[in-house]
């Protein structure tokens, strides 16, 4: 049993590591990988899609001050994400965000549809934790009541205390999730704004930039 438990833990860790690798890579086959959370749309006038590649180097990458963008031309998708540094003074969370930008044209207008994504492992583990806290608290309260726990004053206060504790843990978790999302969203938004600034300045840039990579 212990050996099976160790194998299960190693398998779970391997799945999480593989999930994060696919999430952080900028390869074309993983450009849409991740659990979508939120969406945002922008339209740029006088920016046809066929001129978009001029903003990128030959490799398809575009370094930005606080992140990087990757142009996947065959899928008409741009992937953006903040820089991930192993040793950094900035606080990192377990819910990193990256952006997938679908590119479309409407005449001379460039239509951008940004999807914000997190790793699937982060989304699944978070949902499991929420289900465990909510389900565990509710199940305990129901079983305790059905077992006659409210027949005494002490039992009444006991079920109230356990329920309050479960709600407190749930509230603390939701506050943590909200705080982490705000941090990661601000980082991704900063990178997205930097990318939009590059696109806005595109007519003023040398269109042969991709040849100088």
N, C-alpha and C. Protein backbone atom coordinates (compact mmCIF):
# COMPACT_ATOMS: atom_id res chain seq x y z
N UNK A 1 0.82 -1.21 0.00
CA UNK A 1 0.00 0.00 0.00
C UNK A 1 0.85 1.26 0.00
N UNK A 2 1.94 1.23 0.80
CA UNK A 2 2.81 2.39 0.84
C UNK A 2 3.47 2.61 -0.51
N UNK A 3 3.89 1.50 -1.17
CA UNK A 3 4.52 1.62 -2.48
C UNK A 3 3.54 2.20 -3.50
N UNK A 4 2.29 1.72 -3.45
CA UNK A 4 1.27 2.24 -4.37
C UNK A 4 1.01 3.72 -4.11
N UNK A 5 1.03 4.12 -2.83
CA UNK A 5 0.85 5.53 -2.51
C UNK A 5 1.98 6.39 -3.04
N UNK A 6 3.22 5.88 -2.92
CA UNK A 6 4.37 6.63 -3.43
C UNK A 6 4.28 6.78 -4.94
N UNK A 7 3.91 5.70 -5.63
CA UNK A 7 3.76 5.75 -7.09
C UNK A 7 2.68 6.75 -7.48
N UNK A 8 1.57 6.76 -6.73
CA UNK A 8 0.49 7.70 -7.04
C UNK A 8 0.93 9.14 -6.85
N UNK A 9 1.70 9.40 -5.79
CA UNK A 9 2.19 10.76 -5.54
C UNK A 9 3.16 11.19 -6.64
N UNK A 10 4.08 10.28 -7.03
CA UNK A 10 5.03 10.60 -8.09
C UNK A 10 4.31 10.83 -9.42
N UNK A 11 3.28 10.03 -9.68
CA UNK A 11 2.50 10.22 -10.91
C UNK A 11 1.79 11.56 -10.91
N UNK A 12 1.22 11.93 -9.76
CA UNK A 12 0.54 13.22 -9.65
C UNK A 12 1.52 14.38 -9.86
N UNK A 13 2.70 14.28 -9.24
CA UNK A 13 3.71 15.32 -9.41
C UNK A 13 4.16 15.41 -10.86
N UNK A 14 4.31 14.24 -11.52
CA UNK A 14 4.70 14.24 -12.92
C UNK A 14 3.66 14.90 -13.81
N UNK A 15 2.38 14.65 -13.52
CA UNK A 15 1.30 15.27 -14.29
C UNK A 15 1.29 16.79 -14.10
N UNK A 16 1.53 17.23 -12.86
CA UNK A 16 1.54 18.66 -12.58
C UNK A 16 2.72 19.34 -13.28
N UNK A 17 3.90 18.71 -13.21
CA UNK A 17 5.08 19.27 -13.88
C UNK A 17 4.86 19.32 -15.39
N UNK A 18 4.31 18.24 -15.97
CA UNK A 18 4.03 18.23 -17.40
C UNK A 18 3.01 19.27 -17.80
N UNK A 19 2.01 19.46 -16.95
CA UNK A 19 0.98 20.47 -17.21
C UNK A 19 1.59 21.87 -17.22
N UNK A 20 2.43 22.17 -16.24
CA UNK A 20 3.06 23.49 -16.18
C UNK A 20 4.05 23.70 -17.32
N UNK A 21 4.72 22.62 -17.75
CA UNK A 21 5.64 22.75 -18.88
C UNK A 21 4.87 23.12 -20.14
N UNK A 22 3.77 22.41 -20.40
CA UNK A 22 2.96 22.74 -21.57
C UNK A 22 2.38 24.14 -21.47
N UNK A 23 2.07 24.57 -20.27
CA UNK A 23 1.48 25.90 -20.09
C UNK A 23 2.49 27.01 -20.35
N UNK A 24 3.71 26.83 -19.88
CA UNK A 24 4.71 27.90 -19.97
C UNK A 24 5.44 27.93 -21.31
N UNK A 25 5.45 26.80 -22.04
CA UNK A 25 6.17 26.79 -23.30
C UNK A 25 5.49 27.68 -24.33
N UNK A 26 6.27 28.21 -25.25
CA UNK A 26 5.74 29.06 -26.31
C UNK A 26 5.68 28.33 -27.64
N UNK A 27 5.79 27.01 -27.61
CA UNK A 27 5.71 26.22 -28.84
C UNK A 27 4.31 26.33 -29.45
N UNK A 28 4.26 26.19 -30.77
CA UNK A 28 2.99 26.37 -31.47
C UNK A 28 1.95 25.33 -31.07
N UNK A 29 2.39 24.10 -30.77
CA UNK A 29 1.43 23.04 -30.44
C UNK A 29 0.77 23.25 -29.07
N UNK A 30 1.31 24.16 -28.27
CA UNK A 30 0.74 24.40 -26.94
C UNK A 30 0.21 25.82 -26.80
N UNK A 31 -0.01 26.51 -27.93
CA UNK A 31 -0.37 27.93 -27.84
C UNK A 31 -1.73 28.14 -27.19
N UNK A 32 -2.65 27.20 -27.33
CA UNK A 32 -3.99 27.35 -26.74
C UNK A 32 -4.16 26.52 -25.47
N UNK A 33 -3.06 26.03 -24.93
CA UNK A 33 -3.15 25.15 -23.76
C UNK A 33 -3.43 25.97 -22.50
N UNK A 34 -4.32 25.48 -21.67
CA UNK A 34 -4.65 26.14 -20.42
C UNK A 34 -6.15 26.30 -20.27
N UNK A 35 -6.58 26.51 -19.04
CA UNK A 35 -8.00 26.68 -18.74
C UNK A 35 -8.38 28.15 -18.91
N UNK A 36 -9.28 28.48 -19.84
CA UNK A 36 -9.66 29.89 -20.04
C UNK A 36 -10.48 30.42 -18.87
N UNK A 37 -10.14 31.64 -18.44
CA UNK A 37 -10.82 32.26 -17.31
C UNK A 37 -11.61 33.50 -17.69
N UNK A 38 -10.99 34.37 -18.50
CA UNK A 38 -11.61 35.65 -18.83
C UNK A 38 -11.23 36.02 -20.26
N UNK A 39 -11.97 36.96 -20.83
CA UNK A 39 -11.76 37.37 -22.22
C UNK A 39 -11.77 38.90 -22.32
N UNK A 40 -11.11 39.37 -23.35
CA UNK A 40 -11.05 40.81 -23.61
C UNK A 40 -10.88 41.01 -25.11
N UNK A 41 -11.54 42.03 -25.64
CA UNK A 41 -11.47 42.32 -27.07
C UNK A 41 -10.95 43.73 -27.30
N UNK A 42 -10.12 43.86 -28.34
CA UNK A 42 -9.61 45.16 -28.77
C UNK A 42 -9.64 45.23 -30.28
N UNK A 43 -9.76 46.44 -30.81
CA UNK A 43 -9.73 46.67 -32.25
C UNK A 43 -8.79 47.83 -32.53
N UNK A 44 -7.85 47.62 -33.46
CA UNK A 44 -6.89 48.64 -33.84
C UNK A 44 -7.17 49.06 -35.28
N UNK A 45 -7.38 50.35 -35.50
CA UNK A 45 -7.64 50.86 -36.83
C UNK A 45 -6.35 50.97 -37.62
N UNK A 46 -6.47 50.81 -38.94
CA UNK A 46 -5.33 50.95 -39.87
C UNK A 46 -4.20 50.00 -39.52
N UNK A 47 -4.55 48.81 -39.05
CA UNK A 47 -3.55 47.78 -38.75
C UNK A 47 -4.01 46.46 -39.36
N UNK A 48 -3.82 46.26 -40.67
CA UNK A 48 -4.22 44.99 -41.28
C UNK A 48 -3.42 43.82 -40.72
N UNK A 49 -4.03 42.65 -40.71
CA UNK A 49 -3.40 41.48 -40.09
C UNK A 49 -2.15 41.05 -40.85
N UNK A 50 -2.11 41.27 -42.16
CA UNK A 50 -0.96 40.79 -42.93
C UNK A 50 0.32 41.53 -42.56
N UNK A 51 0.21 42.71 -41.94
CA UNK A 51 1.40 43.46 -41.52
C UNK A 51 1.82 43.13 -40.10
N UNK A 52 1.09 42.24 -39.44
CA UNK A 52 1.37 41.94 -38.04
C UNK A 52 2.73 41.28 -37.86
N UNK A 53 3.13 40.46 -38.81
CA UNK A 53 4.40 39.74 -38.67
C UNK A 53 5.60 40.67 -38.64
N UNK A 54 5.44 41.92 -39.09
CA UNK A 54 6.55 42.88 -39.08
C UNK A 54 6.97 43.24 -37.66
N UNK A 55 6.10 43.02 -36.70
CA UNK A 55 6.44 43.35 -35.31
C UNK A 55 7.29 42.27 -34.65
N UNK A 56 7.38 41.10 -35.29
CA UNK A 56 8.08 39.97 -34.69
C UNK A 56 9.37 39.68 -35.43
N UNK A 57 10.28 39.02 -34.73
CA UNK A 57 11.50 38.56 -35.35
C UNK A 57 11.23 37.30 -36.17
N UNK A 58 12.25 36.82 -36.86
CA UNK A 58 12.08 35.65 -37.71
C UNK A 58 11.63 34.43 -36.91
N UNK A 59 12.08 34.33 -35.68
CA UNK A 59 11.70 33.20 -34.83
C UNK A 59 10.24 33.25 -34.40
N UNK A 60 9.58 34.38 -34.66
CA UNK A 60 8.20 34.54 -34.25
C UNK A 60 8.05 35.13 -32.86
N UNK A 61 9.17 35.41 -32.19
CA UNK A 61 9.12 35.93 -30.82
C UNK A 61 9.28 37.45 -30.81
N UNK A 62 8.74 38.06 -29.78
CA UNK A 62 8.87 39.50 -29.58
C UNK A 62 9.11 39.76 -28.10
N UNK A 63 10.36 40.03 -27.70
CA UNK A 63 10.63 40.35 -26.29
C UNK A 63 10.00 41.68 -25.91
N UNK A 64 9.39 41.71 -24.75
CA UNK A 64 8.78 42.92 -24.21
C UNK A 64 9.43 43.24 -22.87
N UNK A 65 9.28 44.46 -22.35
CA UNK A 65 9.94 44.82 -21.09
C UNK A 65 9.62 43.88 -19.93
N UNK A 66 8.39 43.40 -19.84
CA UNK A 66 8.00 42.56 -18.71
C UNK A 66 7.46 41.20 -19.13
N UNK A 67 7.69 40.81 -20.37
CA UNK A 67 7.20 39.52 -20.83
C UNK A 67 7.65 39.25 -22.25
N UNK A 68 6.97 38.31 -22.88
CA UNK A 68 7.33 37.91 -24.24
C UNK A 68 6.07 37.55 -25.00
N UNK A 69 6.09 37.78 -26.31
CA UNK A 69 4.98 37.42 -27.19
C UNK A 69 5.48 36.49 -28.28
N UNK A 70 4.64 35.60 -28.73
CA UNK A 70 5.00 34.65 -29.79
C UNK A 70 3.88 34.61 -30.82
N UNK A 71 4.25 34.81 -32.09
CA UNK A 71 3.31 34.83 -33.19
C UNK A 71 3.27 33.45 -33.85
N UNK A 72 2.11 32.80 -33.82
CA UNK A 72 1.92 31.51 -34.48
C UNK A 72 1.08 31.78 -35.73
N UNK A 73 1.77 31.98 -36.84
CA UNK A 73 1.11 32.49 -38.04
C UNK A 73 0.11 31.50 -38.63
N UNK A 74 0.43 30.20 -38.61
CA UNK A 74 -0.46 29.23 -39.23
C UNK A 74 -1.79 29.10 -38.49
N UNK A 75 -1.82 29.49 -37.21
CA UNK A 75 -3.06 29.46 -36.44
C UNK A 75 -3.64 30.85 -36.19
N UNK A 76 -2.93 31.89 -36.67
CA UNK A 76 -3.37 33.27 -36.46
C UNK A 76 -3.59 33.56 -34.97
N UNK A 77 -2.60 33.16 -34.18
CA UNK A 77 -2.68 33.28 -32.72
C UNK A 77 -1.39 33.90 -32.20
N UNK A 78 -1.52 34.75 -31.21
CA UNK A 78 -0.38 35.32 -30.50
C UNK A 78 -0.46 34.87 -29.04
N UNK A 79 0.65 34.37 -28.52
CA UNK A 79 0.72 33.95 -27.12
C UNK A 79 1.57 34.97 -26.37
N UNK A 80 1.07 35.48 -25.26
CA UNK A 80 1.83 36.40 -24.42
C UNK A 80 1.87 35.86 -22.99
N UNK A 81 2.95 36.12 -22.31
CA UNK A 81 3.04 35.75 -20.90
C UNK A 81 4.13 36.58 -20.25
N UNK A 82 4.04 36.79 -18.94
CA UNK A 82 5.12 37.48 -18.22
C UNK A 82 6.36 36.59 -18.18
N UNK A 83 7.49 37.20 -17.86
CA UNK A 83 8.71 36.41 -17.67
C UNK A 83 8.58 35.58 -16.41
N UNK A 84 8.95 34.29 -16.50
CA UNK A 84 8.96 33.41 -15.34
C UNK A 84 10.40 33.19 -14.94
N UNK A 85 10.82 33.77 -13.82
CA UNK A 85 12.18 33.64 -13.32
C UNK A 85 12.18 32.75 -12.09
N UNK A 86 13.10 31.77 -12.09
CA UNK A 86 13.17 30.82 -10.98
C UNK A 86 13.52 31.52 -9.68
N UNK A 87 14.51 32.40 -9.73
CA UNK A 87 14.92 33.13 -8.53
C UNK A 87 14.59 34.60 -8.75
N UNK A 88 13.50 35.03 -8.16
CA UNK A 88 13.01 36.39 -8.36
C UNK A 88 12.49 36.93 -7.05
N UNK A 89 12.64 38.24 -6.86
CA UNK A 89 12.14 38.89 -5.66
C UNK A 89 10.63 39.10 -5.72
N UNK A 90 10.05 39.03 -6.92
CA UNK A 90 8.61 39.23 -7.04
C UNK A 90 7.87 37.98 -6.56
N UNK A 91 6.72 38.20 -5.94
CA UNK A 91 5.93 37.11 -5.37
C UNK A 91 5.26 36.33 -6.49
N UNK A 92 5.42 35.00 -6.47
CA UNK A 92 4.78 34.14 -7.45
C UNK A 92 3.64 33.37 -6.80
N UNK A 93 2.62 33.08 -7.56
CA UNK A 93 1.47 32.34 -7.05
C UNK A 93 1.36 31.00 -7.78
N UNK A 94 0.44 30.18 -7.31
CA UNK A 94 0.19 28.88 -7.94
C UNK A 94 -0.81 28.98 -9.09
N UNK A 95 -1.20 30.21 -9.46
CA UNK A 95 -2.18 30.42 -10.52
C UNK A 95 -1.64 31.41 -11.55
N UNK A 96 -0.53 31.09 -12.24
CA UNK A 96 0.01 32.01 -13.23
C UNK A 96 -0.94 32.15 -14.42
N UNK A 97 -0.88 33.29 -15.07
CA UNK A 97 -1.73 33.57 -16.23
C UNK A 97 -0.89 33.75 -17.48
N UNK A 98 -1.41 33.28 -18.59
CA UNK A 98 -0.86 33.61 -19.90
C UNK A 98 -2.03 34.02 -20.79
N UNK A 99 -1.72 34.67 -21.89
CA UNK A 99 -2.77 35.14 -22.78
C UNK A 99 -2.67 34.53 -24.16
N UNK A 100 -3.80 34.15 -24.72
CA UNK A 100 -3.89 33.68 -26.09
C UNK A 100 -4.72 34.70 -26.87
N UNK A 101 -4.12 35.30 -27.88
CA UNK A 101 -4.77 36.36 -28.65
C UNK A 101 -5.12 35.83 -30.04
N UNK A 102 -6.41 35.69 -30.33
CA UNK A 102 -6.86 35.31 -31.67
C UNK A 102 -6.93 36.57 -32.52
N UNK A 103 -6.32 36.50 -33.70
CA UNK A 103 -6.20 37.66 -34.58
C UNK A 103 -7.12 37.50 -35.79
N UNK A 104 -7.90 38.54 -36.06
CA UNK A 104 -8.78 38.57 -37.23
C UNK A 104 -8.73 39.95 -37.85
N UNK A 105 -9.13 40.03 -39.13
CA UNK A 105 -9.14 41.31 -39.85
C UNK A 105 -10.56 41.68 -40.23
N UNK A 106 -10.82 42.98 -40.17
CA UNK A 106 -12.09 43.55 -40.64
C UNK A 106 -11.73 44.77 -41.47
N UNK A 107 -11.39 44.51 -42.74
CA UNK A 107 -10.88 45.59 -43.57
C UNK A 107 -9.49 45.98 -43.12
N UNK A 108 -9.31 47.26 -42.77
CA UNK A 108 -8.04 47.74 -42.25
C UNK A 108 -7.97 47.68 -40.73
N UNK A 109 -8.95 47.08 -40.10
CA UNK A 109 -8.97 46.97 -38.64
C UNK A 109 -8.43 45.61 -38.21
N UNK A 110 -7.65 45.64 -37.15
CA UNK A 110 -7.11 44.42 -36.56
C UNK A 110 -7.91 44.09 -35.32
N UNK A 111 -8.57 42.95 -35.31
CA UNK A 111 -9.41 42.53 -34.19
C UNK A 111 -8.64 41.54 -33.33
N UNK A 112 -8.51 41.85 -32.06
CA UNK A 112 -7.77 41.02 -31.12
C UNK A 112 -8.73 40.49 -30.05
N UNK A 113 -8.72 39.18 -29.86
CA UNK A 113 -9.55 38.54 -28.84
C UNK A 113 -8.62 37.83 -27.85
N UNK A 114 -8.45 38.43 -26.68
CA UNK A 114 -7.54 37.90 -25.67
C UNK A 114 -8.28 36.94 -24.73
N UNK A 115 -7.73 35.74 -24.57
CA UNK A 115 -8.23 34.77 -23.60
C UNK A 115 -7.16 34.57 -22.52
N UNK A 116 -7.53 34.80 -21.27
CA UNK A 116 -6.61 34.62 -20.16
C UNK A 116 -6.73 33.19 -19.65
N UNK A 117 -5.60 32.51 -19.48
CA UNK A 117 -5.60 31.09 -19.14
C UNK A 117 -4.70 30.82 -17.94
N UNK A 118 -5.05 29.76 -17.19
CA UNK A 118 -4.22 29.26 -16.10
C UNK A 118 -3.95 27.79 -16.36
N UNK A 119 -2.95 27.19 -15.70
CA UNK A 119 -2.70 25.75 -15.89
C UNK A 119 -3.91 24.92 -15.48
N UNK A 120 -4.14 23.83 -16.19
CA UNK A 120 -5.27 22.96 -15.86
C UNK A 120 -5.12 22.36 -14.47
N UNK A 121 -3.90 22.05 -14.07
CA UNK A 121 -3.70 21.47 -12.74
C UNK A 121 -4.10 22.46 -11.65
N UNK A 122 -3.80 23.73 -11.84
CA UNK A 122 -4.19 24.75 -10.86
C UNK A 122 -5.71 24.87 -10.77
N UNK A 123 -6.37 24.85 -11.94
CA UNK A 123 -7.83 24.96 -11.96
C UNK A 123 -8.49 23.74 -11.31
N UNK A 124 -8.01 22.54 -11.65
CA UNK A 124 -8.63 21.32 -11.12
C UNK A 124 -8.40 21.19 -9.63
N UNK A 125 -7.16 21.42 -9.17
CA UNK A 125 -6.88 21.31 -7.74
C UNK A 125 -7.66 22.35 -6.93
N UNK A 126 -7.82 23.54 -7.49
CA UNK A 126 -8.60 24.57 -6.80
C UNK A 126 -10.06 24.16 -6.67
N UNK A 127 -10.64 23.63 -7.75
CA UNK A 127 -12.03 23.18 -7.70
C UNK A 127 -12.20 22.01 -6.73
N UNK A 128 -11.22 21.09 -6.71
CA UNK A 128 -11.29 19.97 -5.77
C UNK A 128 -11.22 20.46 -4.33
N UNK A 129 -10.37 21.44 -4.07
CA UNK A 129 -10.26 21.98 -2.72
C UNK A 129 -11.57 22.65 -2.29
N UNK A 130 -12.15 23.44 -3.18
CA UNK A 130 -13.42 24.10 -2.87
C UNK A 130 -14.52 23.07 -2.63
N UNK A 131 -14.56 22.04 -3.48
CA UNK A 131 -15.57 20.99 -3.31
C UNK A 131 -15.37 20.24 -1.99
N UNK A 132 -14.10 20.02 -1.62
CA UNK A 132 -13.81 19.31 -0.37
C UNK A 132 -14.27 20.12 0.84
N UNK A 133 -13.97 21.41 0.84
CA UNK A 133 -14.35 22.26 1.98
C UNK A 133 -15.87 22.39 2.08
N UNK A 134 -16.51 22.72 0.95
CA UNK A 134 -17.97 22.90 0.96
C UNK A 134 -18.68 21.58 1.24
N UNK A 135 -18.28 20.54 0.50
CA UNK A 135 -18.93 19.24 0.67
C UNK A 135 -18.68 18.64 2.04
N UNK A 136 -17.45 18.78 2.55
CA UNK A 136 -17.14 18.23 3.86
C UNK A 136 -17.92 18.91 4.97
N UNK A 137 -17.99 20.22 4.91
CA UNK A 137 -18.75 20.97 5.93
C UNK A 137 -20.23 20.63 5.88
N UNK A 138 -20.79 20.62 4.68
CA UNK A 138 -22.22 20.32 4.53
C UNK A 138 -22.54 18.89 4.95
N UNK A 139 -21.69 17.94 4.53
CA UNK A 139 -21.93 16.53 4.88
C UNK A 139 -21.87 16.31 6.38
N UNK A 140 -20.87 16.92 7.04
CA UNK A 140 -20.76 16.76 8.49
C UNK A 140 -21.99 17.32 9.19
N UNK A 141 -22.43 18.50 8.77
CA UNK A 141 -23.58 19.12 9.42
C UNK A 141 -24.84 18.28 9.25
N UNK A 142 -25.07 17.76 8.03
CA UNK A 142 -26.26 16.96 7.77
C UNK A 142 -26.23 15.66 8.56
N UNK A 143 -25.09 14.94 8.52
CA UNK A 143 -24.99 13.67 9.24
C UNK A 143 -25.11 13.87 10.75
N UNK A 144 -24.53 14.96 11.23
CA UNK A 144 -24.59 15.23 12.67
C UNK A 144 -26.03 15.49 13.11
N UNK A 145 -26.76 16.24 12.28
CA UNK A 145 -28.16 16.54 12.61
C UNK A 145 -29.02 15.27 12.54
N UNK A 146 -28.80 14.46 11.48
CA UNK A 146 -29.58 13.22 11.33
C UNK A 146 -29.29 12.23 12.45
N UNK A 147 -28.09 12.32 13.02
CA UNK A 147 -27.71 11.41 14.11
C UNK A 147 -28.20 11.91 15.47
N UNK A 148 -28.99 12.97 15.45
CA UNK A 148 -29.55 13.50 16.69
C UNK A 148 -28.64 14.44 17.43
N UNK A 149 -27.73 15.06 16.73
CA UNK A 149 -26.77 15.95 17.38
C UNK A 149 -27.40 17.20 17.95
N UNK A 150 -28.57 17.58 17.45
CA UNK A 150 -29.23 18.80 17.94
C UNK A 150 -30.12 18.54 19.15
N UNK A 151 -30.07 17.32 19.66
CA UNK A 151 -30.92 17.00 20.81
C UNK A 151 -30.42 17.63 22.10
N UNK A 152 -29.18 18.08 22.10
CA UNK A 152 -28.61 18.74 23.28
C UNK A 152 -28.11 20.12 22.90
N UNK A 153 -27.97 20.97 23.91
CA UNK A 153 -27.46 22.33 23.67
C UNK A 153 -26.02 22.28 23.20
N UNK A 154 -25.24 21.37 23.80
CA UNK A 154 -23.84 21.24 23.39
C UNK A 154 -23.71 20.81 21.94
N UNK A 155 -24.57 19.88 21.51
CA UNK A 155 -24.55 19.46 20.11
C UNK A 155 -24.91 20.58 19.16
N UNK A 156 -25.87 21.41 19.58
CA UNK A 156 -26.27 22.54 18.75
C UNK A 156 -25.09 23.49 18.52
N UNK A 157 -24.40 23.85 19.61
CA UNK A 157 -23.26 24.76 19.47
C UNK A 157 -22.10 24.08 18.73
N UNK A 158 -22.00 22.76 18.85
CA UNK A 158 -20.94 22.03 18.15
C UNK A 158 -21.13 22.12 16.63
N UNK A 159 -22.34 21.87 16.15
CA UNK A 159 -22.57 21.93 14.71
C UNK A 159 -22.45 23.37 14.20
N UNK A 160 -22.86 24.35 15.02
CA UNK A 160 -22.70 25.75 14.63
C UNK A 160 -21.22 26.10 14.52
N UNK A 161 -20.42 25.62 15.46
CA UNK A 161 -18.98 25.92 15.44
C UNK A 161 -18.28 25.29 14.26
N UNK A 162 -18.59 24.01 13.96
CA UNK A 162 -17.96 23.35 12.81
C UNK A 162 -18.37 24.02 11.50
N UNK A 163 -19.64 24.38 11.39
CA UNK A 163 -20.10 25.06 10.18
C UNK A 163 -19.42 26.42 10.02
N UNK A 164 -19.30 27.15 11.12
CA UNK A 164 -18.63 28.45 11.07
C UNK A 164 -17.17 28.30 10.70
N UNK A 165 -16.52 27.24 11.22
CA UNK A 165 -15.12 27.00 10.88
C UNK A 165 -14.96 26.69 9.39
N UNK A 166 -15.86 25.86 8.86
CA UNK A 166 -15.82 25.56 7.43
C UNK A 166 -16.01 26.79 6.58
N UNK A 167 -16.96 27.64 6.97
CA UNK A 167 -17.20 28.88 6.22
C UNK A 167 -16.00 29.83 6.32
N UNK A 168 -15.34 29.83 7.48
CA UNK A 168 -14.16 30.67 7.65
C UNK A 168 -13.02 30.21 6.75
N UNK A 169 -12.81 28.89 6.69
CA UNK A 169 -11.78 28.34 5.80
C UNK A 169 -12.11 28.65 4.35
N UNK A 170 -13.38 28.51 3.98
CA UNK A 170 -13.81 28.80 2.61
C UNK A 170 -13.59 30.27 2.27
N UNK A 171 -13.96 31.17 3.19
CA UNK A 171 -13.77 32.60 2.96
C UNK A 171 -12.30 32.95 2.81
N UNK A 172 -11.45 32.35 3.66
CA UNK A 172 -10.02 32.60 3.56
C UNK A 172 -9.46 32.13 2.23
N UNK A 173 -9.92 30.96 1.75
CA UNK A 173 -9.47 30.47 0.46
C UNK A 173 -9.90 31.36 -0.69
N UNK A 174 -11.13 31.83 -0.64
CA UNK A 174 -11.62 32.72 -1.70
C UNK A 174 -10.88 34.05 -1.71
N UNK A 175 -10.54 34.55 -0.53
CA UNK A 175 -9.75 35.79 -0.46
C UNK A 175 -8.37 35.57 -1.06
N UNK A 176 -7.75 34.41 -0.75
CA UNK A 176 -6.44 34.09 -1.31
C UNK A 176 -6.51 33.98 -2.82
N UNK A 177 -7.54 33.31 -3.34
CA UNK A 177 -7.70 33.19 -4.79
C UNK A 177 -7.87 34.55 -5.45
N UNK A 178 -8.68 35.41 -4.84
CA UNK A 178 -8.90 36.75 -5.39
C UNK A 178 -7.60 37.55 -5.40
N UNK A 179 -6.84 37.46 -4.31
CA UNK A 179 -5.57 38.19 -4.21
C UNK A 179 -4.59 37.69 -5.26
N UNK A 180 -4.48 36.36 -5.41
CA UNK A 180 -3.55 35.79 -6.38
C UNK A 180 -3.95 36.17 -7.81
N UNK A 181 -5.25 36.14 -8.10
CA UNK A 181 -5.70 36.48 -9.45
C UNK A 181 -5.40 37.94 -9.77
N UNK A 182 -5.59 38.82 -8.81
CA UNK A 182 -5.31 40.24 -9.04
C UNK A 182 -3.83 40.45 -9.35
N UNK A 183 -2.96 39.75 -8.63
CA UNK A 183 -1.52 39.88 -8.87
C UNK A 183 -1.16 39.40 -10.27
N UNK A 184 -1.59 38.18 -10.61
CA UNK A 184 -1.24 37.61 -11.90
C UNK A 184 -1.91 38.36 -13.05
N UNK A 185 -3.13 38.82 -12.84
CA UNK A 185 -3.83 39.56 -13.89
C UNK A 185 -3.15 40.90 -14.16
N UNK A 186 -2.66 41.55 -13.12
CA UNK A 186 -1.96 42.82 -13.32
C UNK A 186 -0.68 42.61 -14.12
N UNK A 187 0.01 41.50 -13.89
CA UNK A 187 1.24 41.21 -14.64
C UNK A 187 0.93 40.93 -16.10
N UNK A 188 -0.10 40.12 -16.35
CA UNK A 188 -0.45 39.82 -17.73
C UNK A 188 -0.98 41.06 -18.44
N UNK A 189 -1.77 41.86 -17.77
CA UNK A 189 -2.29 43.09 -18.37
C UNK A 189 -1.17 44.04 -18.74
N UNK A 190 -0.14 44.11 -17.90
CA UNK A 190 1.01 44.96 -18.19
C UNK A 190 1.70 44.51 -19.48
N UNK A 191 1.88 43.20 -19.63
CA UNK A 191 2.50 42.67 -20.84
C UNK A 191 1.60 42.93 -22.05
N UNK A 192 0.30 42.76 -21.89
CA UNK A 192 -0.64 43.00 -22.99
C UNK A 192 -0.62 44.46 -23.42
N UNK A 193 -0.57 45.39 -22.48
CA UNK A 193 -0.50 46.80 -22.83
C UNK A 193 0.80 47.13 -23.55
N UNK A 194 1.89 46.52 -23.12
CA UNK A 194 3.17 46.73 -23.82
C UNK A 194 3.09 46.22 -25.25
N UNK A 195 2.41 45.09 -25.44
CA UNK A 195 2.26 44.55 -26.79
C UNK A 195 1.39 45.46 -27.65
N UNK A 196 0.32 46.01 -27.08
CA UNK A 196 -0.54 46.93 -27.83
C UNK A 196 0.23 48.19 -28.23
N UNK A 197 1.12 48.65 -27.37
CA UNK A 197 1.94 49.82 -27.69
C UNK A 197 2.86 49.53 -28.87
N UNK A 198 3.38 48.31 -28.93
CA UNK A 198 4.22 47.93 -30.07
C UNK A 198 3.40 47.93 -31.35
N UNK A 199 2.19 47.39 -31.29
CA UNK A 199 1.33 47.38 -32.47
C UNK A 199 0.92 48.79 -32.89
N UNK A 200 0.66 49.66 -31.91
CA UNK A 200 0.27 51.03 -32.23
C UNK A 200 1.39 51.78 -32.93
N UNK A 201 2.63 51.44 -32.60
CA UNK A 201 3.78 52.11 -33.20
C UNK A 201 4.26 51.41 -34.46
N UNK A 202 3.58 50.36 -34.88
CA UNK A 202 4.03 49.56 -36.01
C UNK A 202 4.21 50.34 -37.30
N UNK A 203 3.31 51.27 -37.70
CA UNK A 203 3.52 52.02 -38.94
C UNK A 203 4.77 52.89 -38.92
N UNK A 204 5.26 53.22 -37.71
CA UNK A 204 6.43 54.07 -37.60
C UNK A 204 7.72 53.28 -37.54
N UNK A 205 7.59 51.95 -37.46
CA UNK A 205 8.77 51.11 -37.36
C UNK A 205 9.20 50.64 -38.72
N UNK A 206 10.46 50.22 -38.80
CA UNK A 206 10.99 49.66 -40.03
C UNK A 206 10.33 48.32 -40.29
N UNK A 207 9.68 48.16 -41.42
CA UNK A 207 8.98 46.91 -41.71
C UNK A 207 9.92 45.75 -41.95
N UNK A 208 11.23 46.03 -42.05
CA UNK A 208 12.19 44.95 -42.26
C UNK A 208 12.81 44.50 -40.96
N UNK A 209 12.18 44.80 -39.85
CA UNK A 209 12.73 44.42 -38.55
C UNK A 209 12.94 42.92 -38.44
N UNK A 210 12.05 42.14 -39.06
CA UNK A 210 12.15 40.69 -38.95
C UNK A 210 13.40 40.15 -39.61
N UNK A 211 14.01 40.91 -40.51
CA UNK A 211 15.21 40.45 -41.17
C UNK A 211 16.46 40.73 -40.36
N UNK A 212 16.33 41.51 -39.27
CA UNK A 212 17.50 41.87 -38.48
C UNK A 212 17.66 41.00 -37.24
N UNK A 213 16.82 39.98 -37.11
CA UNK A 213 16.89 39.12 -35.92
C UNK A 213 18.19 38.33 -35.91
